[in-house]
Amino acid sequence: MKVLIAQSDEEFTDMMKEWFVEYGFKVDVAYDGEECLEKVLKNDYDAIVINLLLSKVDAIEVIKKFKKSDRRKGRIIVTSNIKTEIAICEVIKAGGDGYEIMTEVTPYQLAQNIKGYISGELTTEESFRKALVVARTNDKKCKEKKNRKFKYKHGKLDSIRDVELGDIPLIHKDDSSEEVRRKEKIVQDKIKNI
């Protein structure tokens, strides 16, 4: 399995490369969005693991250009410590195949998840559902207020966009399994409508 890892932090990128090599991947690296885009348009990868906030060209632009190109082999998984619905929805809209919140996974779990994306065991829908659940439970203010507007500035974009969160149900640890399934269905429907 051949993977491209693109992170702006060179030290962290090299550390990730070591993790992935240890778990049996062949790894190529890029240290900014321009280098990442250049490599994905020239080489075939089973997975492209890119940080949301890449320098020079951000992950959203990399995804869009990759999806429009002739070379669409490989799954694009975005990594980030950002736990907001807005960031996750931007990746969904751009056409990303997954979103991994780095504070929520160990190196082993990340490697296993990447293998799951490649094999098809981990679906795009499941990945985004998990990330959205983490985002929702992480933001206590969102729990208290519905239909609240947030301002989001992504990477190098100059404009700030208002995003309406709407009436998204929150999953609580005390919910019954039936209630969790009902709420997950609502979230899946919202993802499909983005």
N, C-alpha and C. Protein backbone atom coordinates (compact mmCIF):
# COMPACT_ATOMS: atom_id res chain seq x y z
N MET A 1 0.85 -1.18 0.00
CA MET A 1 0.00 0.00 0.00
C MET A 1 0.89 1.24 0.00
N LYS A 2 0.67 2.08 -0.99
CA LYS A 2 1.48 3.29 -1.13
C LYS A 2 0.67 4.50 -0.66
N VAL A 3 1.28 5.29 0.23
CA VAL A 3 0.60 6.42 0.85
C VAL A 3 1.44 7.69 0.71
N LEU A 4 0.77 8.81 0.46
CA LEU A 4 1.42 10.11 0.51
C LEU A 4 0.95 10.80 1.78
N ILE A 5 1.90 11.28 2.57
CA ILE A 5 1.58 12.04 3.78
C ILE A 5 1.99 13.48 3.51
N ALA A 6 1.05 14.41 3.68
CA ALA A 6 1.33 15.82 3.47
C ALA A 6 0.96 16.61 4.72
N GLN A 7 1.97 17.15 5.35
CA GLN A 7 1.81 17.97 6.56
C GLN A 7 2.80 19.12 6.45
N SER A 8 2.44 20.27 6.96
CA SER A 8 3.34 21.42 6.90
C SER A 8 4.48 21.33 7.92
N ASP A 9 4.25 20.64 9.01
CA ASP A 9 5.26 20.47 10.05
C ASP A 9 6.17 19.30 9.66
N GLU A 10 7.40 19.62 9.24
CA GLU A 10 8.32 18.59 8.74
C GLU A 10 8.63 17.53 9.77
N GLU A 11 8.85 17.94 11.02
CA GLU A 11 9.17 16.98 12.07
C GLU A 11 8.01 15.99 12.29
N PHE A 12 6.79 16.51 12.32
CA PHE A 12 5.62 15.65 12.52
C PHE A 12 5.41 14.75 11.30
N THR A 13 5.66 15.29 10.11
CA THR A 13 5.53 14.50 8.88
C THR A 13 6.49 13.32 8.91
N ASP A 14 7.73 13.58 9.30
CA ASP A 14 8.73 12.50 9.37
C ASP A 14 8.35 11.46 10.42
N MET A 15 7.77 11.92 11.53
CA MET A 15 7.32 11.00 12.56
C MET A 15 6.16 10.13 12.04
N MET A 16 5.22 10.76 11.33
CA MET A 16 4.11 10.00 10.74
C MET A 16 4.64 8.97 9.74
N LYS A 17 5.64 9.37 8.96
CA LYS A 17 6.22 8.45 7.99
C LYS A 17 6.76 7.21 8.70
N GLU A 18 7.46 7.42 9.81
CA GLU A 18 7.98 6.29 10.59
C GLU A 18 6.85 5.36 11.05
N TRP A 19 5.75 5.94 11.55
CA TRP A 19 4.61 5.14 12.00
C TRP A 19 4.10 4.27 10.85
N PHE A 20 3.87 4.92 9.71
CA PHE A 20 3.26 4.21 8.58
C PHE A 20 4.18 3.14 8.01
N VAL A 21 5.48 3.41 7.95
CA VAL A 21 6.44 2.40 7.49
C VAL A 21 6.41 1.21 8.44
N GLU A 22 6.35 1.49 9.74
CA GLU A 22 6.29 0.43 10.74
C GLU A 22 5.05 -0.46 10.55
N TYR A 23 3.97 0.12 10.07
CA TYR A 23 2.73 -0.64 9.86
C TYR A 23 2.61 -1.19 8.43
N GLY A 24 3.70 -1.17 7.68
CA GLY A 24 3.72 -1.86 6.40
C GLY A 24 3.40 -1.03 5.16
N PHE A 25 3.34 0.28 5.29
CA PHE A 25 3.05 1.13 4.14
C PHE A 25 4.34 1.54 3.45
N LYS A 26 4.25 1.79 2.14
CA LYS A 26 5.30 2.48 1.40
C LYS A 26 4.89 3.95 1.45
N VAL A 27 5.80 4.82 1.87
CA VAL A 27 5.41 6.19 2.18
C VAL A 27 6.21 7.21 1.38
N ASP A 28 5.50 8.19 0.85
CA ASP A 28 6.08 9.36 0.23
C ASP A 28 5.60 10.55 1.07
N VAL A 29 6.35 11.63 1.11
CA VAL A 29 5.95 12.78 1.92
C VAL A 29 5.97 14.07 1.11
N ALA A 30 5.16 15.01 1.56
CA ALA A 30 5.15 16.38 1.01
C ALA A 30 5.04 17.32 2.21
N TYR A 31 5.74 18.45 2.13
CA TYR A 31 5.78 19.36 3.26
C TYR A 31 4.94 20.62 3.07
N ASP A 32 4.23 20.70 1.96
CA ASP A 32 3.29 21.80 1.76
C ASP A 32 2.29 21.40 0.67
N GLY A 33 1.27 22.23 0.49
CA GLY A 33 0.21 21.90 -0.45
C GLY A 33 0.66 21.86 -1.90
N GLU A 34 1.57 22.74 -2.27
CA GLU A 34 2.07 22.74 -3.66
C GLU A 34 2.77 21.43 -3.99
N GLU A 35 3.65 21.01 -3.09
CA GLU A 35 4.39 19.76 -3.29
C GLU A 35 3.43 18.58 -3.30
N CYS A 36 2.44 18.62 -2.42
CA CYS A 36 1.44 17.55 -2.37
C CYS A 36 0.68 17.45 -3.69
N LEU A 37 0.21 18.58 -4.17
CA LEU A 37 -0.56 18.61 -5.42
C LEU A 37 0.28 18.10 -6.59
N GLU A 38 1.52 18.54 -6.63
CA GLU A 38 2.45 18.09 -7.68
C GLU A 38 2.59 16.56 -7.65
N LYS A 39 2.75 16.00 -6.47
CA LYS A 39 2.94 14.55 -6.34
C LYS A 39 1.68 13.76 -6.66
N VAL A 40 0.52 14.23 -6.21
CA VAL A 40 -0.71 13.47 -6.48
C VAL A 40 -1.11 13.51 -7.95
N LEU A 41 -0.67 14.55 -8.66
CA LEU A 41 -0.99 14.63 -10.08
C LEU A 41 0.00 13.85 -10.94
N LYS A 42 1.12 13.43 -10.36
CA LYS A 42 2.13 12.67 -11.11
C LYS A 42 2.21 11.20 -10.72
N ASN A 43 1.83 10.87 -9.50
CA ASN A 43 2.00 9.51 -8.97
C ASN A 43 0.67 8.91 -8.53
N ASP A 44 0.64 7.59 -8.48
CA ASP A 44 -0.54 6.90 -7.96
C ASP A 44 -0.29 6.50 -6.51
N TYR A 45 -1.27 6.81 -5.67
CA TYR A 45 -1.22 6.43 -4.26
C TYR A 45 -2.52 5.72 -3.91
N ASP A 46 -2.44 4.79 -2.98
CA ASP A 46 -3.65 4.14 -2.47
C ASP A 46 -4.40 5.09 -1.54
N ALA A 47 -3.64 5.91 -0.82
CA ALA A 47 -4.24 6.90 0.07
C ALA A 47 -3.36 8.14 0.13
N ILE A 48 -4.01 9.28 0.25
CA ILE A 48 -3.33 10.56 0.42
C ILE A 48 -3.81 11.11 1.74
N VAL A 49 -2.88 11.24 2.70
CA VAL A 49 -3.21 11.68 4.05
C VAL A 49 -2.69 13.10 4.20
N ILE A 50 -3.62 14.07 4.19
CA ILE A 50 -3.18 15.47 4.18
C ILE A 50 -3.78 16.25 5.35
N ASN A 51 -2.99 17.17 5.86
CA ASN A 51 -3.45 18.03 6.93
C ASN A 51 -4.35 19.12 6.37
N LEU A 52 -5.41 19.43 7.10
CA LEU A 52 -6.37 20.44 6.66
C LEU A 52 -5.71 21.78 6.38
N LEU A 53 -4.76 22.17 7.21
CA LEU A 53 -4.16 23.50 7.09
C LEU A 53 -2.76 23.44 6.50
N LEU A 54 -2.65 22.88 5.31
CA LEU A 54 -1.37 22.85 4.61
C LEU A 54 -0.95 24.27 4.22
N SER A 55 0.35 24.51 4.17
CA SER A 55 0.83 25.82 3.71
C SER A 55 0.84 25.85 2.18
N LYS A 56 0.89 27.02 1.63
CA LYS A 56 0.92 27.33 0.19
C LYS A 56 -0.41 27.02 -0.50
N VAL A 57 -0.84 25.78 -0.53
CA VAL A 57 -2.14 25.40 -1.09
C VAL A 57 -2.83 24.57 -0.02
N ASP A 58 -4.02 24.99 0.42
CA ASP A 58 -4.67 24.26 1.51
C ASP A 58 -5.28 22.94 1.04
N ALA A 59 -5.64 22.10 1.99
CA ALA A 59 -6.15 20.75 1.69
C ALA A 59 -7.41 20.79 0.83
N ILE A 60 -8.27 21.76 1.05
CA ILE A 60 -9.52 21.86 0.29
C ILE A 60 -9.20 22.05 -1.20
N GLU A 61 -8.27 22.92 -1.51
CA GLU A 61 -7.88 23.15 -2.91
C GLU A 61 -7.20 21.92 -3.50
N VAL A 62 -6.37 21.24 -2.70
CA VAL A 62 -5.72 20.02 -3.18
C VAL A 62 -6.79 18.98 -3.56
N ILE A 63 -7.77 18.82 -2.68
CA ILE A 63 -8.84 17.84 -2.95
C ILE A 63 -9.58 18.20 -4.23
N LYS A 64 -9.99 19.46 -4.36
CA LYS A 64 -10.76 19.89 -5.54
C LYS A 64 -9.98 19.66 -6.83
N LYS A 65 -8.71 20.05 -6.84
CA LYS A 65 -7.90 19.88 -8.05
C LYS A 65 -7.64 18.41 -8.36
N PHE A 66 -7.42 17.61 -7.32
CA PHE A 66 -7.22 16.17 -7.51
C PHE A 66 -8.47 15.53 -8.09
N LYS A 67 -9.64 15.89 -7.56
CA LYS A 67 -10.90 15.29 -8.02
C LYS A 67 -11.22 15.68 -9.46
N LYS A 68 -10.76 16.86 -9.90
CA LYS A 68 -11.01 17.30 -11.28
C LYS A 68 -10.00 16.73 -12.26
N SER A 69 -8.90 16.17 -11.74
CA SER A 69 -7.83 15.67 -12.62
C SER A 69 -8.15 14.28 -13.17
N ASP A 70 -7.32 13.85 -14.10
CA ASP A 70 -7.44 12.51 -14.66
C ASP A 70 -6.97 11.45 -13.67
N ARG A 71 -6.13 11.85 -12.72
CA ARG A 71 -5.55 10.92 -11.76
C ARG A 71 -6.37 10.92 -10.48
N ARG A 72 -7.43 10.16 -10.49
CA ARG A 72 -8.29 10.15 -9.31
C ARG A 72 -8.19 8.85 -8.52
N LYS A 73 -7.06 8.15 -8.69
CA LYS A 73 -6.86 6.92 -7.94
C LYS A 73 -6.39 7.29 -6.53
N GLY A 74 -6.94 6.64 -5.55
CA GLY A 74 -6.52 6.89 -4.18
C GLY A 74 -7.57 7.63 -3.38
N ARG A 75 -7.60 7.35 -2.11
CA ARG A 75 -8.55 7.98 -1.19
C ARG A 75 -7.86 9.15 -0.51
N ILE A 76 -8.55 10.26 -0.38
CA ILE A 76 -7.98 11.43 0.29
C ILE A 76 -8.57 11.52 1.69
N ILE A 77 -7.69 11.40 2.67
CA ILE A 77 -8.10 11.48 4.07
C ILE A 77 -7.46 12.73 4.67
N VAL A 78 -8.29 13.58 5.23
CA VAL A 78 -7.81 14.82 5.83
C VAL A 78 -7.60 14.59 7.33
N THR A 79 -6.46 15.05 7.82
CA THR A 79 -6.17 14.98 9.25
C THR A 79 -6.16 16.39 9.82
N SER A 80 -6.59 16.50 11.07
CA SER A 80 -6.61 17.80 11.71
C SER A 80 -6.89 17.65 13.19
N ASN A 81 -6.54 18.67 13.95
CA ASN A 81 -6.96 18.76 15.34
C ASN A 81 -8.22 19.62 15.46
N ILE A 82 -8.67 20.16 14.35
CA ILE A 82 -9.85 21.01 14.34
C ILE A 82 -11.09 20.13 14.45
N LYS A 83 -11.89 20.40 15.46
CA LYS A 83 -13.08 19.58 15.75
C LYS A 83 -14.35 20.40 15.55
N THR A 84 -14.47 21.05 14.41
CA THR A 84 -15.69 21.82 14.16
C THR A 84 -16.45 21.23 12.99
N GLU A 85 -17.77 21.32 13.08
CA GLU A 85 -18.61 20.82 11.99
C GLU A 85 -18.31 21.56 10.69
N ILE A 86 -17.99 22.81 10.79
CA ILE A 86 -17.75 23.62 9.61
C ILE A 86 -16.55 23.09 8.83
N ALA A 87 -15.46 22.80 9.54
CA ALA A 87 -14.26 22.27 8.88
C ALA A 87 -14.56 20.92 8.24
N ILE A 88 -15.26 20.07 8.96
CA ILE A 88 -15.60 18.74 8.45
C ILE A 88 -16.48 18.86 7.21
N CYS A 89 -17.46 19.76 7.26
CA CYS A 89 -18.37 19.96 6.12
C CYS A 89 -17.63 20.51 4.90
N GLU A 90 -16.63 21.34 5.11
CA GLU A 90 -15.82 21.86 4.00
C GLU A 90 -15.11 20.70 3.28
N VAL A 91 -14.60 19.75 4.05
CA VAL A 91 -13.92 18.59 3.47
C VAL A 91 -14.93 17.72 2.70
N ILE A 92 -16.12 17.54 3.27
CA ILE A 92 -17.17 16.77 2.60
C ILE A 92 -17.52 17.42 1.27
N LYS A 93 -17.76 18.73 1.29
CA LYS A 93 -18.13 19.46 0.07
C LYS A 93 -17.06 19.38 -1.01
N ALA A 94 -15.79 19.41 -0.58
CA ALA A 94 -14.68 19.38 -1.54
C ALA A 94 -14.53 18.00 -2.18
N GLY A 95 -15.03 16.96 -1.49
CA GLY A 95 -14.94 15.61 -2.04
C GLY A 95 -13.95 14.71 -1.33
N GLY A 96 -13.56 15.09 -0.10
CA GLY A 96 -12.65 14.25 0.67
C GLY A 96 -13.29 12.90 1.00
N ASP A 97 -12.46 11.91 1.24
CA ASP A 97 -12.95 10.56 1.53
C ASP A 97 -12.97 10.24 3.01
N GLY A 98 -12.38 11.09 3.85
CA GLY A 98 -12.39 10.82 5.28
C GLY A 98 -11.81 11.99 6.05
N TYR A 99 -12.10 12.00 7.35
CA TYR A 99 -11.63 13.06 8.25
C TYR A 99 -11.19 12.40 9.54
N GLU A 100 -9.93 12.52 9.87
CA GLU A 100 -9.37 11.94 11.08
C GLU A 100 -8.95 13.06 12.03
N ILE A 101 -9.54 13.07 13.22
CA ILE A 101 -9.18 14.05 14.24
C ILE A 101 -8.01 13.47 15.02
N MET A 102 -6.86 14.09 14.87
CA MET A 102 -5.60 13.52 15.36
C MET A 102 -5.56 13.36 16.88
N THR A 103 -6.29 14.19 17.61
CA THR A 103 -6.30 14.05 19.07
C THR A 103 -7.17 12.87 19.51
N GLU A 104 -7.90 12.28 18.57
CA GLU A 104 -8.83 11.18 18.90
C GLU A 104 -8.30 9.80 18.51
N VAL A 105 -7.12 9.73 17.85
CA VAL A 105 -6.59 8.45 17.41
C VAL A 105 -5.13 8.29 17.80
N THR A 106 -4.75 7.05 18.04
CA THR A 106 -3.33 6.74 18.27
C THR A 106 -2.70 6.50 16.90
N PRO A 107 -1.36 6.47 16.82
CA PRO A 107 -0.73 6.16 15.53
C PRO A 107 -1.21 4.83 14.96
N TYR A 108 -1.37 3.83 15.82
CA TYR A 108 -1.84 2.52 15.37
C TYR A 108 -3.26 2.62 14.81
N GLN A 109 -4.15 3.33 15.52
CA GLN A 109 -5.53 3.48 15.04
C GLN A 109 -5.57 4.22 13.72
N LEU A 110 -4.73 5.25 13.58
CA LEU A 110 -4.69 6.00 12.32
C LEU A 110 -4.25 5.07 11.18
N ALA A 111 -3.20 4.29 11.41
CA ALA A 111 -2.73 3.36 10.37
C ALA A 111 -3.82 2.34 10.03
N GLN A 112 -4.50 1.81 11.04
CA GLN A 112 -5.58 0.85 10.81
C GLN A 112 -6.72 1.51 10.03
N ASN A 113 -7.05 2.75 10.38
CA ASN A 113 -8.11 3.47 9.66
C ASN A 113 -7.74 3.69 8.20
N ILE A 114 -6.48 4.03 7.94
CA ILE A 114 -6.03 4.24 6.56
C ILE A 114 -6.15 2.93 5.78
N LYS A 115 -5.75 1.82 6.40
CA LYS A 115 -5.92 0.51 5.76
C LYS A 115 -7.40 0.25 5.48
N GLY A 116 -8.26 0.65 6.42
CA GLY A 116 -9.70 0.49 6.25
C GLY A 116 -10.25 1.31 5.09
N TYR A 117 -9.76 2.54 4.94
CA TYR A 117 -10.19 3.37 3.80
C TYR A 117 -9.79 2.70 2.48
N ILE A 118 -8.56 2.21 2.43
CA ILE A 118 -8.04 1.61 1.21
C ILE A 118 -8.82 0.34 0.84
N SER A 119 -9.09 -0.49 1.85
CA SER A 119 -9.79 -1.76 1.59
C SER A 119 -11.30 -1.57 1.40
N GLY A 120 -11.81 -0.43 1.84
CA GLY A 120 -13.25 -0.20 1.75
C GLY A 120 -14.00 -0.59 3.02
N GLU A 121 -13.28 -1.12 4.02
CA GLU A 121 -13.92 -1.49 5.28
C GLU A 121 -14.40 -0.26 6.04
N LEU A 122 -13.70 0.86 5.89
CA LEU A 122 -14.10 2.11 6.53
C LEU A 122 -14.65 3.02 5.44
N THR A 123 -15.93 3.30 5.51
CA THR A 123 -16.57 4.10 4.46
C THR A 123 -16.43 5.59 4.73
N THR A 124 -16.59 6.35 3.68
CA THR A 124 -16.56 7.80 3.79
C THR A 124 -17.65 8.27 4.75
N GLU A 125 -18.84 7.74 4.58
CA GLU A 125 -19.97 8.15 5.43
C GLU A 125 -19.69 7.87 6.90
N GLU A 126 -19.13 6.69 7.19
CA GLU A 126 -18.82 6.33 8.58
C GLU A 126 -17.77 7.27 9.16
N SER A 127 -16.75 7.59 8.37
CA SER A 127 -15.69 8.48 8.82
C SER A 127 -16.24 9.85 9.18
N PHE A 128 -17.04 10.42 8.29
CA PHE A 128 -17.57 11.75 8.55
C PHE A 128 -18.58 11.73 9.69
N ARG A 129 -19.34 10.67 9.81
CA ARG A 129 -20.30 10.56 10.91
C ARG A 129 -19.55 10.59 12.24
N LYS A 130 -18.48 9.81 12.36
CA LYS A 130 -17.70 9.78 13.59
C LYS A 130 -17.10 11.16 13.90
N ALA A 131 -16.56 11.80 12.87
CA ALA A 131 -15.96 13.12 13.07
C ALA A 131 -17.00 14.15 13.50
N LEU A 132 -18.18 14.09 12.89
CA LEU A 132 -19.25 15.03 13.26
C LEU A 132 -19.74 14.79 14.68
N VAL A 133 -19.79 13.55 15.10
CA VAL A 133 -20.19 13.25 16.48
C VAL A 133 -19.18 13.85 17.45
N VAL A 134 -17.89 13.69 17.17
CA VAL A 134 -16.85 14.27 18.02
C VAL A 134 -16.98 15.79 18.04
N ALA A 135 -17.18 16.39 16.86
CA ALA A 135 -17.30 17.84 16.78
C ALA A 135 -18.48 18.34 17.61
N ARG A 136 -19.60 17.66 17.49
CA ARG A 136 -20.80 18.09 18.22
C ARG A 136 -20.64 17.97 19.72
N THR A 137 -20.09 16.85 20.16
CA THR A 137 -19.94 16.66 21.61
C THR A 137 -18.83 17.53 22.17
N ASN A 138 -17.92 17.98 21.33
CA ASN A 138 -16.82 18.82 21.77
C ASN A 138 -17.23 20.27 22.02
N ASP A 139 -18.23 20.73 21.35
CA ASP A 139 -18.59 22.14 21.43
C ASP A 139 -19.82 22.33 22.33
N LYS A 140 -19.58 22.62 23.59
CA LYS A 140 -20.68 22.75 24.55
C LYS A 140 -21.64 23.88 24.18
N LYS A 141 -21.13 24.90 23.55
CA LYS A 141 -22.00 26.01 23.17
C LYS A 141 -23.02 25.59 22.13
N CYS A 142 -22.60 24.68 21.22
CA CYS A 142 -23.54 24.19 20.21
C CYS A 142 -24.63 23.34 20.85
N LYS A 143 -24.29 22.67 21.94
CA LYS A 143 -25.28 21.85 22.63
C LYS A 143 -26.41 22.70 23.20
N GLU A 144 -26.06 23.91 23.61
CA GLU A 144 -27.04 24.76 24.29
C GLU A 144 -27.87 25.61 23.34
N LYS A 145 -27.35 25.91 22.18
CA LYS A 145 -28.05 26.80 21.26
C LYS A 145 -28.25 26.14 19.91
N LYS A 146 -29.46 26.23 19.39
CA LYS A 146 -29.76 25.70 18.07
C LYS A 146 -29.78 26.87 17.08
N ASN A 147 -29.57 26.53 15.80
CA ASN A 147 -29.59 27.52 14.73
C ASN A 147 -28.65 28.69 14.98
N ARG A 148 -27.50 28.37 15.52
CA ARG A 148 -26.51 29.39 15.84
C ARG A 148 -25.57 29.57 14.66
N LYS A 149 -25.15 30.79 14.40
CA LYS A 149 -24.22 31.04 13.30
C LYS A 149 -22.80 31.09 13.83
N PHE A 150 -21.88 30.49 13.06
CA PHE A 150 -20.47 30.52 13.38
C PHE A 150 -19.71 31.17 12.23
N LYS A 151 -18.68 31.88 12.56
CA LYS A 151 -17.80 32.43 11.53
C LYS A 151 -16.62 31.48 11.40
N TYR A 152 -16.25 31.18 10.16
CA TYR A 152 -15.18 30.21 9.91
C TYR A 152 -14.24 30.78 8.87
N LYS A 153 -12.99 30.82 9.19
CA LYS A 153 -11.99 31.24 8.22
C LYS A 153 -11.08 30.05 7.98
N HIS A 154 -11.09 29.55 6.75
CA HIS A 154 -10.35 28.33 6.42
C HIS A 154 -9.03 28.66 5.74
N GLY A 155 -7.95 28.21 6.33
CA GLY A 155 -6.63 28.31 5.69
C GLY A 155 -6.33 29.69 5.16
N LYS A 156 -6.08 29.77 3.87
CA LYS A 156 -5.68 31.03 3.26
C LYS A 156 -6.85 31.80 2.65
N LEU A 157 -8.06 31.28 2.83
CA LEU A 157 -9.20 32.00 2.27
C LEU A 157 -9.35 33.33 2.97
N ASP A 158 -9.59 34.39 2.22
CA ASP A 158 -9.71 35.71 2.81
C ASP A 158 -11.10 35.99 3.35
N SER A 159 -12.09 35.39 2.74
CA SER A 159 -13.45 35.70 3.15
C SER A 159 -13.87 34.81 4.31
N ILE A 160 -14.70 35.36 5.16
CA ILE A 160 -15.28 34.60 6.26
C ILE A 160 -16.71 34.30 5.88
N ARG A 161 -17.10 33.02 5.99
CA ARG A 161 -18.43 32.60 5.59
C ARG A 161 -19.27 32.29 6.81
N ASP A 162 -20.53 32.67 6.77
CA ASP A 162 -21.47 32.26 7.81
C ASP A 162 -21.99 30.88 7.45
N VAL A 163 -22.03 30.02 8.41
CA VAL A 163 -22.54 28.67 8.19
C VAL A 163 -23.66 28.43 9.19
N GLU A 164 -24.81 28.04 8.70
CA GLU A 164 -25.96 27.74 9.54
C GLU A 164 -25.88 26.28 9.96
N LEU A 165 -25.81 26.00 11.26
CA LEU A 165 -25.71 24.63 11.73
C LEU A 165 -27.04 23.91 11.69
N GLY A 166 -28.11 24.63 11.89
CA GLY A 166 -29.42 24.00 11.85
C GLY A 166 -29.70 23.16 13.08
N ASP A 167 -30.74 22.38 13.00
CA ASP A 167 -31.20 21.59 14.13
C ASP A 167 -30.62 20.18 14.04
N ILE A 168 -29.35 20.03 14.42
CA ILE A 168 -28.68 18.75 14.36
C ILE A 168 -28.75 18.12 15.75
N PRO A 169 -29.26 16.89 15.85
CA PRO A 169 -29.38 16.27 17.18
C PRO A 169 -28.02 15.88 17.73
N LEU A 170 -27.87 16.01 19.02
CA LEU A 170 -26.63 15.63 19.68
C LEU A 170 -26.79 14.26 20.30
N ILE A 171 -25.77 13.45 20.18
CA ILE A 171 -25.80 12.12 20.77
C ILE A 171 -25.16 12.22 22.15
N HIS A 172 -25.89 11.77 23.13
CA HIS A 172 -25.42 11.81 24.51
C HIS A 172 -25.12 10.41 24.99
N LYS A 173 -24.22 10.29 25.97
CA LYS A 173 -23.84 8.96 26.45
C LYS A 173 -25.02 8.22 27.09
N ASP A 174 -26.05 8.94 27.55
CA ASP A 174 -27.21 8.30 28.18
C ASP A 174 -28.28 7.87 27.18
N ASP A 175 -28.11 8.19 25.90
CA ASP A 175 -29.11 7.83 24.89
C ASP A 175 -29.18 6.31 24.72
N SER A 176 -30.38 5.81 24.49
CA SER A 176 -30.55 4.38 24.19
C SER A 176 -30.00 4.11 22.80
N SER A 177 -29.72 2.85 22.49
CA SER A 177 -29.17 2.52 21.18
C SER A 177 -30.16 2.88 20.08
N GLU A 178 -31.44 2.75 20.36
CA GLU A 178 -32.46 3.12 19.37
C GLU A 178 -32.42 4.64 19.11
N GLU A 179 -32.26 5.41 20.16
CA GLU A 179 -32.19 6.87 20.04
C GLU A 179 -30.92 7.27 19.28
N VAL A 180 -29.80 6.61 19.54
CA VAL A 180 -28.55 6.89 18.83
C VAL A 180 -28.73 6.61 17.34
N ARG A 181 -29.33 5.46 16.98
CA ARG A 181 -29.56 5.13 15.57
C ARG A 181 -30.45 6.18 14.90
N ARG A 182 -31.47 6.63 15.60
CA ARG A 182 -32.37 7.65 15.04
C ARG A 182 -31.59 8.94 14.76
N LYS A 183 -30.78 9.35 15.72
CA LYS A 183 -30.00 10.59 15.56
C LYS A 183 -28.95 10.43 14.46
N GLU A 184 -28.30 9.25 14.37
CA GLU A 184 -27.31 9.00 13.32
C GLU A 184 -27.95 9.08 11.95
N LYS A 185 -29.16 8.60 11.81
CA LYS A 185 -29.89 8.66 10.54
C LYS A 185 -30.09 10.12 10.12
N ILE A 186 -30.45 10.97 11.08
CA ILE A 186 -30.63 12.39 10.80
C ILE A 186 -29.31 13.00 10.31
N VAL A 187 -28.20 12.66 10.97
CA VAL A 187 -26.89 13.17 10.59
C VAL A 187 -26.51 12.68 9.18
N GLN A 188 -26.76 11.40 8.89
CA GLN A 188 -26.46 10.86 7.57
C GLN A 188 -27.26 11.59 6.49
N ASP A 189 -28.52 11.87 6.77
CA ASP A 189 -29.34 12.60 5.81
C ASP A 189 -28.81 14.00 5.59
N LYS A 190 -28.34 14.65 6.65
CA LYS A 190 -27.78 15.99 6.52
C LYS A 190 -26.51 15.97 5.67
N ILE A 191 -25.66 14.93 5.88
CA ILE A 191 -24.42 14.82 5.12
C ILE A 191 -24.74 14.66 3.63
N LYS A 192 -25.73 13.85 3.33
CA LYS A 192 -26.10 13.63 1.92
C LYS A 192 -26.60 14.90 1.26
N ASN A 193 -27.17 15.82 2.07
CA ASN A 193 -27.75 17.05 1.51
C ASN A 193 -26.76 18.19 1.43
N ILE A 194 -25.52 17.95 1.84
CA ILE A 194 -24.51 19.03 1.80
C ILE A 194 -24.01 19.18 0.38
